[in-house]
Amino acid sequence: MSAVIEIEGLRKTFHGPYRSRHVAVDGLGLRVERGEIHGFLGPNGSGKTTTLRALLGLVRADSGRMRLFGEEVPRAQARVAGRVGAIVETPQFFGNFSGRRTLRLLAVAGGVPTRRVDEVLDRVGLLGRGEDEVRGYSLGMRQRLAVASALLKEPELLVLDEPANGLDPAGIREMRDLLRSLAAAGVTVLLSSHILGEIQLVCDHVTIVSRGRRVAAGPVEEVLAGHDQHEWRVRVPEPDRAAELLRGAGLPVDERPDHLVVGGAADPGEISRVLGEQGLWVRELVPLRPDLESVFLELTDEPGERLTDEPGERLTDEPGDEPTDEPGDRLTDEPGDEPTDDAGEAKA
């Protein structure tokens, strides 16, 4: 089978106070083919992280089917776990451990050869800081360390929840190059991120979810093309006269201070013909194509109360289990950011 991830009809409900119930995932479907970089997008509280946690066996779904590498999960979770590397939610590490020591412990615990430690440190640009204590890392460096931990076992599938958090523009570009190189080597990547411009650059396919349901899926260009209004930016002498002529030809025109926005023209030659026949020659004719951000906002801007599975909602699956959908504050990698020493368990 070519599909690495298959999810059908996934549903997950969390219990709240006073016997309330919140539907975090509502009949969701997702399919990720082998070797692709697949963007998994949605606003806060849309159910993305709950879906990833269910897929990785970290939370029990109420209903639906999930398969990894063609095997049913969670039943076959133990068999496929070694083929998957993941970062879900904000990773935490022991601040008094060095980056290299952290990865060595994870490698030993996972039965991974320790030679992989320096390989992955180099891969994420931390080889020169491997002996530094994690408490001295910026938040962006901690995010790189988390990606390194996910790469330790040379996974066939890499699941990344907001991997660019805390990275500066150069780091984001390096992450993009890393993901592309992994995909070229045959690794399948499922990527959740709020940096939509980056998703558009790096991903082959996207799935967009809102309120626990899938609202769009497919190749990035096809999803964008489905929302193309065939609008054009037109600069022309006598814009008032040009607008009147174009409206007379049945084309909607929005007059801007220094140009016209003309819609409904699949063929730009129609605009040139209408104006040229009246002696108005176009100085500029540029297509206004939708980007992923505009399509995302259009698809996920729904009225009503948003169903959430974010911290603070006090929803529970089991006693003490507080599900989250997104990390809290955006991580930064800017000067002046002082990382804190958060003790915790590193996620492999």
C-alpha atoms as a PDB file:
ATOM      1  CA  MET A   1       0.000   0.000   0.000  1.00  0.00           C
ATOM      2  CA  SER A   2       1.233   3.498  -0.809  1.00  0.00           C
ATOM      3  CA  ALA A   3      -0.533   5.205   2.118  1.00  0.00           C
ATOM      4  CA  VAL A   4       1.536   5.560   5.290  1.00  0.00           C
ATOM      5  CA  ILE A   5      -1.301   7.134   7.307  1.00  0.00           C
ATOM      6  CA  GLU A   6      -4.989   6.339   6.884  1.00  0.00           C
ATOM      7  CA  ILE A   7      -7.637   7.764   9.201  1.00  0.00           C
ATOM      8  CA  GLU A   8     -11.351   7.251   8.634  1.00  0.00           C
ATOM      9  CA  GLY A   9     -14.234   8.615  10.705  1.00  0.00           C
ATOM     10  CA  LEU A  10     -12.097   9.479  13.740  1.00  0.00           C
ATOM     11  CA  ARG A  11     -14.106  10.815  16.664  1.00  0.00           C
ATOM     12  CA  LYS A  12     -12.930  11.877  20.100  1.00  0.00           C
ATOM     13  CA  THR A  13     -15.006  13.476  22.854  1.00  0.00           C
ATOM     14  CA  PHE A  14     -13.653  14.846  26.110  1.00  0.00           C
ATOM     15  CA  HIS A  15     -15.638  15.159  29.342  1.00  0.00           C
ATOM     16  CA  GLY A  16     -15.895  18.536  31.012  1.00  0.00           C
ATOM     17  CA  PRO A  17     -17.370  19.854  34.267  1.00  0.00           C
ATOM     18  CA  TYR A  18     -21.043  19.359  35.094  1.00  0.00           C
ATOM     19  CA  ARG A  19     -21.257  16.354  32.759  1.00  0.00           C
ATOM     20  CA  SER A  20     -20.539  18.494  29.722  1.00  0.00           C
ATOM     21  CA  ARG A  21     -18.985  16.914  26.663  1.00  0.00           C
ATOM     22  CA  HIS A  22     -16.784  18.564  24.053  1.00  0.00           C
ATOM     23  CA  VAL A  23     -16.246  17.009  20.645  1.00  0.00           C
ATOM     24  CA  ALA A  24     -12.587  17.573  19.741  1.00  0.00           C
ATOM     25  CA  VAL A  25     -12.523  15.397  16.601  1.00  0.00           C
ATOM     26  CA  ASP A  26     -15.723  14.742  14.688  1.00  0.00           C
ATOM     27  CA  GLY A  27     -15.565  12.101  11.939  1.00  0.00           C
ATOM     28  CA  LEU A  28     -12.159  13.199  10.661  1.00  0.00           C
ATOM     29  CA  GLY A  29     -10.477  11.578   7.667  1.00  0.00           C
ATOM     30  CA  LEU A  30      -6.805  11.886   6.706  1.00  0.00           C
ATOM     31  CA  ARG A  31      -4.636  10.104   4.156  1.00  0.00           C
ATOM     32  CA  VAL A  32      -0.889  10.612   3.756  1.00  0.00           C
ATOM     33  CA  GLU A  33       0.960   8.891   0.928  1.00  0.00           C
ATOM     34  CA  ARG A  34       4.472   7.480   1.192  1.00  0.00           C
ATOM     35  CA  GLY A  35       7.281   9.981   0.620  1.00  0.00           C
ATOM     36  CA  GLU A  36       5.182  13.152   0.692  1.00  0.00           C
ATOM     37  CA  ILE A  37       5.310  16.168   2.982  1.00  0.00           C
ATOM     38  CA  HIS A  38       1.745  16.616   4.146  1.00  0.00           C
ATOM     39  CA  GLY A  39       0.574  19.776   5.888  1.00  0.00           C
ATOM     40  CA  PHE A  40      -2.025  19.286   8.632  1.00  0.00           C
ATOM     41  CA  LEU A  41      -3.619  22.666   9.299  1.00  0.00           C
ATOM     42  CA  GLY A  42      -6.296  24.131  11.510  1.00  0.00           C
ATOM     43  CA  PRO A  43      -6.896  26.933  14.018  1.00  0.00           C
ATOM     44  CA  ASN A  44      -6.340  26.482  17.740  1.00  0.00           C
ATOM     45  CA  GLY A  45      -8.850  24.009  19.078  1.00  0.00           C
ATOM     46  CA  SER A  46      -9.561  22.367  15.723  1.00  0.00           C
ATOM     47  CA  GLY A  47      -8.489  18.905  16.895  1.00  0.00           C
ATOM     48  CA  LYS A  48      -5.099  18.601  15.199  1.00  0.00           C
ATOM     49  CA  THR A  49      -3.058  17.559  18.212  1.00  0.00           C
ATOM     50  CA  THR A  50      -5.805  15.280  19.504  1.00  0.00           C
ATOM     51  CA  THR A  51      -5.732  13.538  16.112  1.00  0.00           C
ATOM     52  CA  LEU A  52      -1.956  13.166  16.260  1.00  0.00           C
ATOM     53  CA  ARG A  53      -2.096  11.871  19.837  1.00  0.00           C
ATOM     54  CA  ALA A  54      -4.719   9.296  18.889  1.00  0.00           C
ATOM     55  CA  LEU A  55      -2.650   8.193  15.889  1.00  0.00           C
ATOM     56  CA  LEU A  56       0.417   7.742  18.094  1.00  0.00           C
ATOM     57  CA  GLY A  57      -1.471   5.857  20.808  1.00  0.00           C
ATOM     58  CA  LEU A  58      -1.273   8.670  23.368  1.00  0.00           C
ATOM     59  CA  VAL A  59      -5.046   9.021  23.704  1.00  0.00           C
ATOM     60  CA  ARG A  60      -7.922   6.637  22.974  1.00  0.00           C
ATOM     61  CA  ALA A  61     -10.327   7.546  20.190  1.00  0.00           C
ATOM     62  CA  ASP A  62     -14.034   6.938  20.685  1.00  0.00           C
ATOM     63  CA  SER A  63     -14.537   5.539  17.204  1.00  0.00           C
ATOM     64  CA  GLY A  64     -13.057   5.422  13.719  1.00  0.00           C
ATOM     65  CA  ARG A  65     -10.230   3.518  12.056  1.00  0.00           C
ATOM     66  CA  MET A  66      -6.538   4.380  11.935  1.00  0.00           C
ATOM     67  CA  ARG A  67      -3.737   2.617  10.062  1.00  0.00           C
ATOM     68  CA  LEU A  68       0.011   3.191  10.021  1.00  0.00           C
ATOM     69  CA  PHE A  69       1.919   1.453   7.233  1.00  0.00           C
ATOM     70  CA  GLY A  70      -1.261  -0.512   6.533  1.00  0.00           C
ATOM     71  CA  GLU A  71      -1.533  -1.846  10.110  1.00  0.00           C
ATOM     72  CA  GLU A  72      -4.433  -1.077  12.423  1.00  0.00           C
ATOM     73  CA  VAL A  73      -3.543   1.125  15.366  1.00  0.00           C
ATOM     74  CA  PRO A  74      -3.591   1.193  18.309  1.00  0.00           C
ATOM     75  CA  ARG A  75      -3.685  -2.630  18.043  1.00  0.00           C
ATOM     76  CA  ALA A  76      -0.398  -2.746  16.092  1.00  0.00           C
ATOM     77  CA  GLN A  77       1.166   0.285  17.802  1.00  0.00           C
ATOM     78  CA  ALA A  78       4.069  -1.694  19.249  1.00  0.00           C
ATOM     79  CA  ARG A  79       4.966  -3.136  15.834  1.00  0.00           C
ATOM     80  CA  VAL A  80       5.041   0.202  14.017  1.00  0.00           C
ATOM     81  CA  ALA A  81       6.383   2.459  16.795  1.00  0.00           C
ATOM     82  CA  GLY A  82       9.994   1.924  15.759  1.00  0.00           C
ATOM     83  CA  ARG A  83       9.236   3.281  12.292  1.00  0.00           C
ATOM     84  CA  VAL A  84       7.794   6.573  13.570  1.00  0.00           C
ATOM     85  CA  GLY A  85       9.515   9.662  14.977  1.00  0.00           C
ATOM     86  CA  ALA A  86       7.318  12.345  16.492  1.00  0.00           C
ATOM     87  CA  ILE A  87       7.177  15.675  18.281  1.00  0.00           C
ATOM     88  CA  VAL A  88       3.735  16.384  19.668  1.00  0.00           C
ATOM     89  CA  GLU A  89       3.183  19.457  21.839  1.00  0.00           C
ATOM     90  CA  THR A  90       5.992  21.406  23.486  1.00  0.00           C
ATOM     91  CA  PRO A  91       9.009  19.177  24.225  1.00  0.00           C
ATOM     92  CA  GLN A  92      10.747  19.455  27.590  1.00  0.00           C
ATOM     93  CA  PHE A  93      14.214  18.352  28.617  1.00  0.00           C
ATOM     94  CA  PHE A  94      16.319  18.248  31.780  1.00  0.00           C
ATOM     95  CA  GLY A  95      18.061  21.620  31.851  1.00  0.00           C
ATOM     96  CA  ASN A  96      21.224  20.346  33.555  1.00  0.00           C
ATOM     97  CA  PHE A  97      21.851  17.732  30.837  1.00  0.00           C
ATOM     98  CA  SER A  98      23.818  18.608  27.728  1.00  0.00           C
ATOM     99  CA  GLY A  99      22.165  18.206  24.367  1.00  0.00           C
ATOM    100  CA  ARG A 100      24.476  15.303  23.535  1.00  0.00           C
ATOM    101  CA  ARG A 101      23.805  13.555  26.867  1.00  0.00           C
ATOM    102  CA  THR A 102      20.058  13.987  26.385  1.00  0.00           C
ATOM    103  CA  LEU A 103      20.194  12.309  22.990  1.00  0.00           C
ATOM    104  CA  ARG A 104      22.519   9.542  24.210  1.00  0.00           C
ATOM    105  CA  LEU A 105      20.040   8.641  26.956  1.00  0.00           C
ATOM    106  CA  LEU A 106      17.192   8.584  24.461  1.00  0.00           C
ATOM    107  CA  ALA A 107      19.259   6.488  22.068  1.00  0.00           C
ATOM    108  CA  VAL A 108      20.131   3.924  24.745  1.00  0.00           C
ATOM    109  CA  ALA A 109      16.537   3.781  25.961  1.00  0.00           C
ATOM    110  CA  GLY A 110      15.304   3.245  22.412  1.00  0.00           C
ATOM    111  CA  GLY A 111      17.923   0.717  21.402  1.00  0.00           C
ATOM    112  CA  VAL A 112      19.440   3.120  18.860  1.00  0.00           C
ATOM    113  CA  PRO A 113      23.198   3.086  18.134  1.00  0.00           C
ATOM    114  CA  THR A 114      24.818   6.017  19.929  1.00  0.00           C
ATOM    115  CA  ARG A 115      26.697   6.960  16.743  1.00  0.00           C
ATOM    116  CA  ARG A 116      23.384   8.451  15.628  1.00  0.00           C
ATOM    117  CA  VAL A 117      23.674  11.183  18.274  1.00  0.00           C
ATOM    118  CA  ASP A 118      26.302  13.272  16.484  1.00  0.00           C
ATOM    119  CA  GLU A 119      24.661  12.547  13.128  1.00  0.00           C
ATOM    120  CA  VAL A 120      21.353  14.065  14.178  1.00  0.00           C
ATOM    121  CA  LEU A 121      23.001  16.938  16.065  1.00  0.00           C
ATOM    122  CA  ASP A 122      24.797  17.824  12.857  1.00  0.00           C
ATOM    123  CA  ARG A 123      21.599  17.409  10.852  1.00  0.00           C
ATOM    124  CA  VAL A 124      19.784  20.062  12.924  1.00  0.00           C
ATOM    125  CA  GLY A 125      22.752  22.426  13.288  1.00  0.00           C
ATOM    126  CA  LEU A 126      23.566  21.765  16.944  1.00  0.00           C
ATOM    127  CA  LEU A 127      26.779  19.757  16.647  1.00  0.00           C
ATOM    128  CA  GLY A 128      28.900  22.653  17.905  1.00  0.00           C
ATOM    129  CA  ARG A 129      26.622  23.128  20.940  1.00  0.00           C
ATOM    130  CA  GLY A 130      26.218  19.463  21.847  1.00  0.00           C
ATOM    131  CA  GLU A 131      28.176  19.721  25.101  1.00  0.00           C
ATOM    132  CA  ASP A 132      26.303  22.805  26.309  1.00  0.00           C
ATOM    133  CA  GLU A 133      23.666  22.338  28.975  1.00  0.00           C
ATOM    134  CA  VAL A 134      20.107  22.520  27.697  1.00  0.00           C
ATOM    135  CA  ARG A 135      19.397  25.272  30.268  1.00  0.00           C
ATOM    136  CA  GLY A 136      21.622  27.526  28.146  1.00  0.00           C
ATOM    137  CA  TYR A 137      19.771  26.782  24.916  1.00  0.00           C
ATOM    138  CA  SER A 138      17.396  29.304  23.430  1.00  0.00           C
ATOM    139  CA  LEU A 139      13.872  28.030  22.872  1.00  0.00           C
ATOM    140  CA  GLY A 140      14.607  27.705  19.170  1.00  0.00           C
ATOM    141  CA  MET A 141      17.622  25.511  19.950  1.00  0.00           C
ATOM    142  CA  ARG A 142      15.449  23.339  22.180  1.00  0.00           C
ATOM    143  CA  GLN A 143      13.084  22.894  19.268  1.00  0.00           C
ATOM    144  CA  ARG A 144      16.018  21.753  17.105  1.00  0.00           C
ATOM    145  CA  LEU A 145      16.990  19.317  19.857  1.00  0.00           C
ATOM    146  CA  ALA A 146      13.460  17.922  19.822  1.00  0.00           C
ATOM    147  CA  VAL A 147      13.649  17.393  16.064  1.00  0.00           C
ATOM    148  CA  ALA A 148      16.993  15.665  16.553  1.00  0.00           C
ATOM    149  CA  SER A 149      15.413  13.315  19.111  1.00  0.00           C
ATOM    150  CA  ALA A 150      12.669  12.434  16.615  1.00  0.00           C
ATOM    151  CA  LEU A 151      15.292  11.605  13.964  1.00  0.00           C
ATOM    152  CA  LEU A 152      17.374   9.309  16.191  1.00  0.00           C
ATOM    153  CA  LYS A 153      15.828   6.032  15.032  1.00  0.00           C
ATOM    154  CA  GLU A 154      15.892   6.992  11.334  1.00  0.00           C
ATOM    155  CA  PRO A 155      12.096   6.955  11.081  1.00  0.00           C
ATOM    156  CA  GLU A 156      10.141   6.171   7.935  1.00  0.00           C
ATOM    157  CA  LEU A 157       7.417   8.541   9.154  1.00  0.00           C
ATOM    158  CA  LEU A 158       8.120  11.839  10.901  1.00  0.00           C
ATOM    159  CA  VAL A 159       5.221  13.549  12.713  1.00  0.00           C
ATOM    160  CA  LEU A 160       6.022  17.151  13.636  1.00  0.00           C
ATOM    161  CA  ASP A 161       3.719  19.475  15.556  1.00  0.00           C
ATOM    162  CA  GLU A 162       4.926  23.081  15.091  1.00  0.00           C
ATOM    163  CA  PRO A 163       8.612  22.243  14.426  1.00  0.00           C
ATOM    164  CA  ALA A 164       9.449  25.828  13.413  1.00  0.00           C
ATOM    165  CA  ASN A 165       8.427  27.276  16.784  1.00  0.00           C
ATOM    166  CA  GLY A 166      11.209  29.431  18.110  1.00  0.00           C
ATOM    167  CA  LEU A 167      13.260  29.425  14.916  1.00  0.00           C
ATOM    168  CA  ASP A 168      14.487  32.639  13.332  1.00  0.00           C
ATOM    169  CA  PRO A 169      14.116  33.091   9.541  1.00  0.00           C
ATOM    170  CA  ALA A 170      17.435  31.383   8.846  1.00  0.00           C
ATOM    171  CA  GLY A 171      16.443  28.479  11.095  1.00  0.00           C
ATOM    172  CA  ILE A 172      13.073  28.171   9.362  1.00  0.00           C
ATOM    173  CA  ARG A 173      14.830  27.952   6.010  1.00  0.00           C
ATOM    174  CA  GLU A 174      17.181  25.292   7.378  1.00  0.00           C
ATOM    175  CA  MET A 175      14.183  23.341   8.682  1.00  0.00           C
ATOM    176  CA  ARG A 176      12.567  23.592   5.252  1.00  0.00           C
ATOM    177  CA  ASP A 177      15.721  22.256   3.600  1.00  0.00           C
ATOM    178  CA  LEU A 178      15.907  19.444   6.180  1.00  0.00           C
ATOM    179  CA  LEU A 179      12.325  18.360   5.524  1.00  0.00           C
ATOM    180  CA  ARG A 180      12.887  18.404   1.778  1.00  0.00           C
ATOM    181  CA  SER A 181      16.043  16.320   2.111  1.00  0.00           C
ATOM    182  CA  LEU A 182      14.221  13.807   4.307  1.00  0.00           C
ATOM    183  CA  ALA A 183      11.383  13.526   1.799  1.00  0.00           C
ATOM    184  CA  ALA A 184      13.916  13.073  -1.020  1.00  0.00           C
ATOM    185  CA  ALA A 185      15.393  10.185   0.984  1.00  0.00           C
ATOM    186  CA  GLY A 186      11.961   8.539   1.203  1.00  0.00           C
ATOM    187  CA  VAL A 187      10.824   9.737   4.639  1.00  0.00           C
ATOM    188  CA  THR A 188       7.144  10.632   4.908  1.00  0.00           C
ATOM    189  CA  VAL A 189       6.461  13.837   6.870  1.00  0.00           C
ATOM    190  CA  LEU A 190       3.205  14.903   8.515  1.00  0.00           C
ATOM    191  CA  LEU A 191       3.656  18.535   9.470  1.00  0.00           C
ATOM    192  CA  SER A 192       1.410  20.741  11.579  1.00  0.00           C
ATOM    193  CA  SER A 193       2.296  24.430  11.607  1.00  0.00           C
ATOM    194  CA  HIS A 194       0.816  27.911  11.878  1.00  0.00           C
ATOM    195  CA  ILE A 195       3.427  29.323   9.476  1.00  0.00           C
ATOM    196  CA  LEU A 196       1.186  28.963   6.433  1.00  0.00           C
ATOM    197  CA  GLY A 197       3.599  30.537   3.971  1.00  0.00           C
ATOM    198  CA  GLU A 198       6.150  27.898   4.914  1.00  0.00           C
ATOM    199  CA  ILE A 199       3.579  25.120   4.539  1.00  0.00           C
ATOM    200  CA  GLN A 200       2.809  26.374   1.040  1.00  0.00           C
ATOM    201  CA  LEU A 201       6.513  26.296   0.168  1.00  0.00           C
ATOM    202  CA  VAL A 202       7.386  22.882   1.568  1.00  0.00           C
ATOM    203  CA  CYS A 203       4.265  20.683   1.428  1.00  0.00           C
ATOM    204  CA  ASP A 204       2.986  18.539  -1.423  1.00  0.00           C
ATOM    205  CA  HIS A 205      -0.491  18.019   0.034  1.00  0.00           C
ATOM    206  CA  VAL A 206      -2.544  19.621   2.781  1.00  0.00           C
ATOM    207  CA  THR A 207      -5.477  18.713   4.974  1.00  0.00           C
ATOM    208  CA  ILE A 208      -7.319  21.610   6.611  1.00  0.00           C
ATOM    209  CA  VAL A 209      -9.544  20.976   9.614  1.00  0.00           C
ATOM    210  CA  SER A 210     -11.994  23.176  11.484  1.00  0.00           C
ATOM    211  CA  ARG A 211     -14.052  22.308  14.566  1.00  0.00           C
ATOM    212  CA  GLY A 212     -12.872  18.712  14.404  1.00  0.00           C
ATOM    213  CA  ARG A 213     -13.897  18.158  10.781  1.00  0.00           C
ATOM    214  CA  ARG A 214     -11.945  18.117   7.532  1.00  0.00           C
ATOM    215  CA  VAL A 215     -12.867  21.099   5.350  1.00  0.00           C
ATOM    216  CA  ALA A 216     -10.322  20.698   2.533  1.00  0.00           C
ATOM    217  CA  ALA A 217      -7.725  18.191   1.391  1.00  0.00           C
ATOM    218  CA  GLY A 218      -5.572  17.582  -1.655  1.00  0.00           C
ATOM    219  CA  PRO A 219      -2.472  18.806  -3.466  1.00  0.00           C
ATOM    220  CA  VAL A 220      -1.626  22.352  -2.411  1.00  0.00           C
ATOM    221  CA  GLU A 221      -2.069  23.786  -5.909  1.00  0.00           C
ATOM    222  CA  GLU A 222      -5.465  22.120  -6.329  1.00  0.00           C
ATOM    223  CA  VAL A 223      -6.714  23.433  -2.987  1.00  0.00           C
ATOM    224  CA  LEU A 224      -5.608  26.948  -3.956  1.00  0.00           C
ATOM    225  CA  ALA A 225      -7.043  26.648  -7.469  1.00  0.00           C
ATOM    226  CA  GLY A 226     -10.424  25.751  -6.007  1.00  0.00           C
ATOM    227  CA  HIS A 227     -10.552  29.210  -4.434  1.00  0.00           C
ATOM    228  CA  ASP A 228      -9.199  31.167  -7.395  1.00  0.00           C
ATOM    229  CA  GLN A 229     -11.618  34.003  -8.215  1.00  0.00           C
ATOM    230  CA  HIS A 230      -9.794  34.759 -11.497  1.00  0.00           C
ATOM    231  CA  GLU A 231      -8.952  38.262 -10.335  1.00  0.00           C
ATOM    232  CA  TRP A 232      -6.399  40.514 -12.019  1.00  0.00           C
ATOM    233  CA  ARG A 233      -4.605  43.683 -11.037  1.00  0.00           C
ATOM    234  CA  VAL A 234      -4.878  46.100 -13.943  1.00  0.00           C
ATOM    235  CA  ARG A 235      -3.057  49.386 -14.423  1.00  0.00           C
ATOM    236  CA  VAL A 236      -4.216  51.410 -17.395  1.00  0.00           C
ATOM    237  CA  PRO A 237      -4.530  55.078 -18.483  1.00  0.00           C
ATOM    238  CA  GLU A 238      -7.940  56.564 -17.746  1.00  0.00           C
ATOM    239  CA  PRO A 239      -8.876  54.036 -15.054  1.00  0.00           C
ATOM    240  CA  ASP A 240     -12.364  55.485 -14.624  1.00  0.00           C
ATOM    241  CA  ARG A 241     -13.154  54.966 -18.299  1.00  0.00           C
ATOM    242  CA  ALA A 242     -11.521  51.525 -18.213  1.00  0.00           C
ATOM    243  CA  ALA A 243     -13.670  50.492 -15.246  1.00  0.00           C
ATOM    244  CA  GLU A 244     -16.822  51.577 -17.088  1.00  0.00           C
ATOM    245  CA  LEU A 245     -15.852  49.595 -20.196  1.00  0.00           C
ATOM    246  CA  LEU A 246     -15.038  46.459 -18.224  1.00  0.00           C
ATOM    247  CA  ARG A 247     -18.275  46.625 -16.261  1.00  0.00           C
ATOM    248  CA  GLY A 248     -20.093  47.037 -19.557  1.00  0.00           C
ATOM    249  CA  ALA A 249     -18.502  43.768 -20.666  1.00  0.00           C
ATOM    250  CA  GLY A 250     -19.933  42.044 -17.584  1.00  0.00           C
ATOM    251  CA  LEU A 251     -16.738  41.935 -15.513  1.00  0.00           C
ATOM    252  CA  PRO A 252     -16.827  42.993 -11.830  1.00  0.00           C
ATOM    253  CA  VAL A 253     -14.378  45.813 -11.131  1.00  0.00           C
ATOM    254  CA  ASP A 254     -13.057  47.100  -7.805  1.00  0.00           C
ATOM    255  CA  GLU A 255     -11.463  50.531  -8.189  1.00  0.00           C
ATOM    256  CA  ARG A 256      -8.384  51.028  -6.034  1.00  0.00           C
ATOM    257  CA  PRO A 257      -6.327  54.250  -5.640  1.00  0.00           C
ATOM    258  CA  ASP A 258      -3.671  53.257  -8.208  1.00  0.00           C
ATOM    259  CA  HIS A 259      -5.121  50.242 -10.024  1.00  0.00           C
ATOM    260  CA  LEU A 260      -8.227  48.203 -10.805  1.00  0.00           C
ATOM    261  CA  VAL A 261      -9.033  44.718  -9.541  1.00  0.00           C
ATOM    262  CA  VAL A 262     -10.985  42.909 -12.244  1.00  0.00           C
ATOM    263  CA  GLY A 263     -12.684  39.602 -11.471  1.00  0.00           C
ATOM    264  CA  GLY A 264     -14.370  36.843 -13.403  1.00  0.00           C
ATOM    265  CA  ALA A 265     -11.862  36.696 -16.261  1.00  0.00           C
ATOM    266  CA  ALA A 266     -10.338  33.253 -16.654  1.00  0.00           C
ATOM    267  CA  ASP A 267      -8.546  34.524 -19.786  1.00  0.00           C
ATOM    268  CA  PRO A 268      -6.642  37.816 -19.330  1.00  0.00           C
ATOM    269  CA  GLY A 269      -6.931  38.340 -23.075  1.00  0.00           C
ATOM    270  CA  GLU A 270     -10.564  39.265 -22.497  1.00  0.00           C
ATOM    271  CA  ILE A 271      -9.495  42.269 -20.419  1.00  0.00           C
ATOM    272  CA  SER A 272      -6.912  43.344 -23.004  1.00  0.00           C
ATOM    273  CA  ARG A 273      -9.430  42.977 -25.848  1.00  0.00           C
ATOM    274  CA  VAL A 274     -12.179  45.018 -24.158  1.00  0.00           C
ATOM    275  CA  LEU A 275      -9.796  47.876 -23.395  1.00  0.00           C
ATOM    276  CA  GLY A 276      -7.714  47.661 -26.559  1.00  0.00           C
ATOM    277  CA  GLU A 277     -10.767  47.962 -28.817  1.00  0.00           C
ATOM    278  CA  GLN A 278     -11.384  51.376 -27.244  1.00  0.00           C
ATOM    279  CA  GLY A 279      -7.780  52.517 -27.520  1.00  0.00           C
ATOM    280  CA  LEU A 280      -6.842  51.846 -23.871  1.00  0.00           C
ATOM    281  CA  TRP A 281      -3.619  49.887 -23.661  1.00  0.00           C
ATOM    282  CA  VAL A 282      -2.873  47.933 -20.508  1.00  0.00           C
ATOM    283  CA  ARG A 283       0.289  48.877 -18.642  1.00  0.00           C
ATOM    284  CA  GLU A 284       0.100  46.035 -16.128  1.00  0.00           C
ATOM    285  CA  LEU A 285      -1.991  42.858 -15.984  1.00  0.00           C
ATOM    286  CA  VAL A 286      -1.080  40.607 -13.038  1.00  0.00           C
ATOM    287  CA  PRO A 287      -3.021  37.602 -11.725  1.00  0.00           C
ATOM    288  CA  LEU A 288      -4.089  37.777  -8.072  1.00  0.00           C
ATOM    289  CA  ARG A 289      -3.817  34.168  -6.994  1.00  0.00           C
ATOM    290  CA  PRO A 290      -5.026  33.035  -3.567  1.00  0.00           C
ATOM    291  CA  ASP A 291      -2.370  31.987  -1.090  1.00  0.00           C
ATOM    292  CA  LEU A 292      -2.716  29.326   1.565  1.00  0.00           C
ATOM    293  CA  GLU A 293      -3.287  31.882   4.325  1.00  0.00           C
ATOM    294  CA  SER A 294      -6.305  33.461   2.609  1.00  0.00           C
ATOM    295  CA  VAL A 295      -7.810  30.060   1.797  1.00  0.00           C
ATOM    296  CA  PHE A 296      -7.190  28.845   5.359  1.00  0.00           C
ATOM    297  CA  LEU A 297      -8.905  31.875   6.866  1.00  0.00           C
ATOM    298  CA  GLU A 298     -11.846  31.527   4.489  1.00  0.00           C
ATOM    299  CA  LEU A 299     -12.352  27.847   5.306  1.00  0.00           C
ATOM    300  CA  THR A 300     -11.907  28.073   9.066  1.00  0.00           C
ATOM    301  CA  ASP A 301     -13.774  31.301   9.810  1.00  0.00           C
ATOM    302  CA  GLU A 302     -16.914  29.721  11.245  1.00  0.00           C
ATOM    303  CA  PRO A 303     -19.464  31.413  13.517  1.00  0.00           C
ATOM    304  CA  GLY A 304     -20.395  30.071  16.901  1.00  0.00           C
ATOM    305  CA  GLU A 305     -18.422  28.801  19.849  1.00  0.00           C
ATOM    306  CA  ARG A 306     -15.230  27.041  18.847  1.00  0.00           C
ATOM    307  CA  LEU A 307     -14.846  23.530  20.203  1.00  0.00           C
ATOM    308  CA  THR A 308     -11.487  23.328  21.879  1.00  0.00           C
ATOM    309  CA  ASP A 309      -9.137  20.822  23.317  1.00  0.00           C
ATOM    310  CA  GLU A 310      -6.697  23.437  24.556  1.00  0.00           C
ATOM    311  CA  PRO A 311      -5.194  23.878  28.018  1.00  0.00           C
ATOM    312  CA  GLY A 312      -7.473  25.645  30.428  1.00  0.00           C
ATOM    313  CA  GLU A 313     -10.659  23.932  29.250  1.00  0.00           C
ATOM    314  CA  ARG A 314     -10.396  21.276  31.985  1.00  0.00           C
ATOM    315  CA  LEU A 315     -11.560  18.583  29.603  1.00  0.00           C
ATOM    316  CA  THR A 316     -10.516  15.107  30.607  1.00  0.00           C
ATOM    317  CA  ASP A 317     -10.150  11.734  28.976  1.00  0.00           C
ATOM    318  CA  GLU A 318      -8.842  10.001  32.068  1.00  0.00           C
ATOM    319  CA  PRO A 319      -8.286  11.415  35.561  1.00  0.00           C
ATOM    320  CA  GLY A 320      -5.417  13.853  35.406  1.00  0.00           C
ATOM    321  CA  ASP A 321      -5.289  13.865  31.610  1.00  0.00           C
ATOM    322  CA  GLU A 322      -5.646  17.381  30.253  1.00  0.00           C
ATOM    323  CA  PRO A 323      -5.605  17.259  26.473  1.00  0.00           C
ATOM    324  CA  THR A 324      -4.108  20.098  24.507  1.00  0.00           C
ATOM    325  CA  ASP A 325      -4.341  21.032  20.862  1.00  0.00           C
ATOM    326  CA  GLU A 326      -1.664  23.652  20.502  1.00  0.00           C
ATOM    327  CA  PRO A 327       1.373  24.836  22.440  1.00  0.00           C
ATOM    328  CA  GLY A 328       0.749  27.992  24.414  1.00  0.00           C
ATOM    329  CA  ASP A 329       2.897  31.036  23.732  1.00  0.00           C
ATOM    330  CA  ARG A 330       4.812  31.168  20.494  1.00  0.00           C
ATOM    331  CA  LEU A 331       8.418  30.181  21.036  1.00  0.00           C
ATOM    332  CA  THR A 332      11.052  32.651  19.966  1.00  0.00           C
ATOM    333  CA  ASP A 333      14.716  32.509  19.088  1.00  0.00           C
ATOM    334  CA  GLU A 334      15.418  36.221  19.351  1.00  0.00           C
ATOM    335  CA  PRO A 335      18.047  38.049  21.413  1.00  0.00           C
ATOM    336  CA  GLY A 336      16.796  38.709  24.895  1.00  0.00           C
ATOM    337  CA  ASP A 337      14.887  35.464  25.128  1.00  0.00           C
ATOM    338  CA  GLU A 338      16.003  33.806  28.298  1.00  0.00           C
ATOM    339  CA  PRO A 339      15.237  30.086  28.312  1.00  0.00           C
ATOM    340  CA  THR A 340      13.962  28.583  31.518  1.00  0.00           C
ATOM    341  CA  ASP A 341      15.123  25.413  33.159  1.00  0.00           C
ATOM    342  CA  ASP A 342      12.000  23.284  32.766  1.00  0.00           C
ATOM    343  CA  ALA A 343      12.686  19.828  34.054  1.00  0.00           C
ATOM    344  CA  GLY A 344      10.719  17.183  32.255  1.00  0.00           C
ATOM    345  CA  GLU A 345      10.892  14.112  30.144  1.00  0.00           C
ATOM    346  CA  ALA A 346      12.351  14.395  26.664  1.00  0.00           C
ATOM    347  CA  LYS A 347      10.138  12.981  23.949  1.00  0.00           C
ATOM    348  CA  ALA A 348      11.695  10.627  21.474  1.00  0.00           C
END
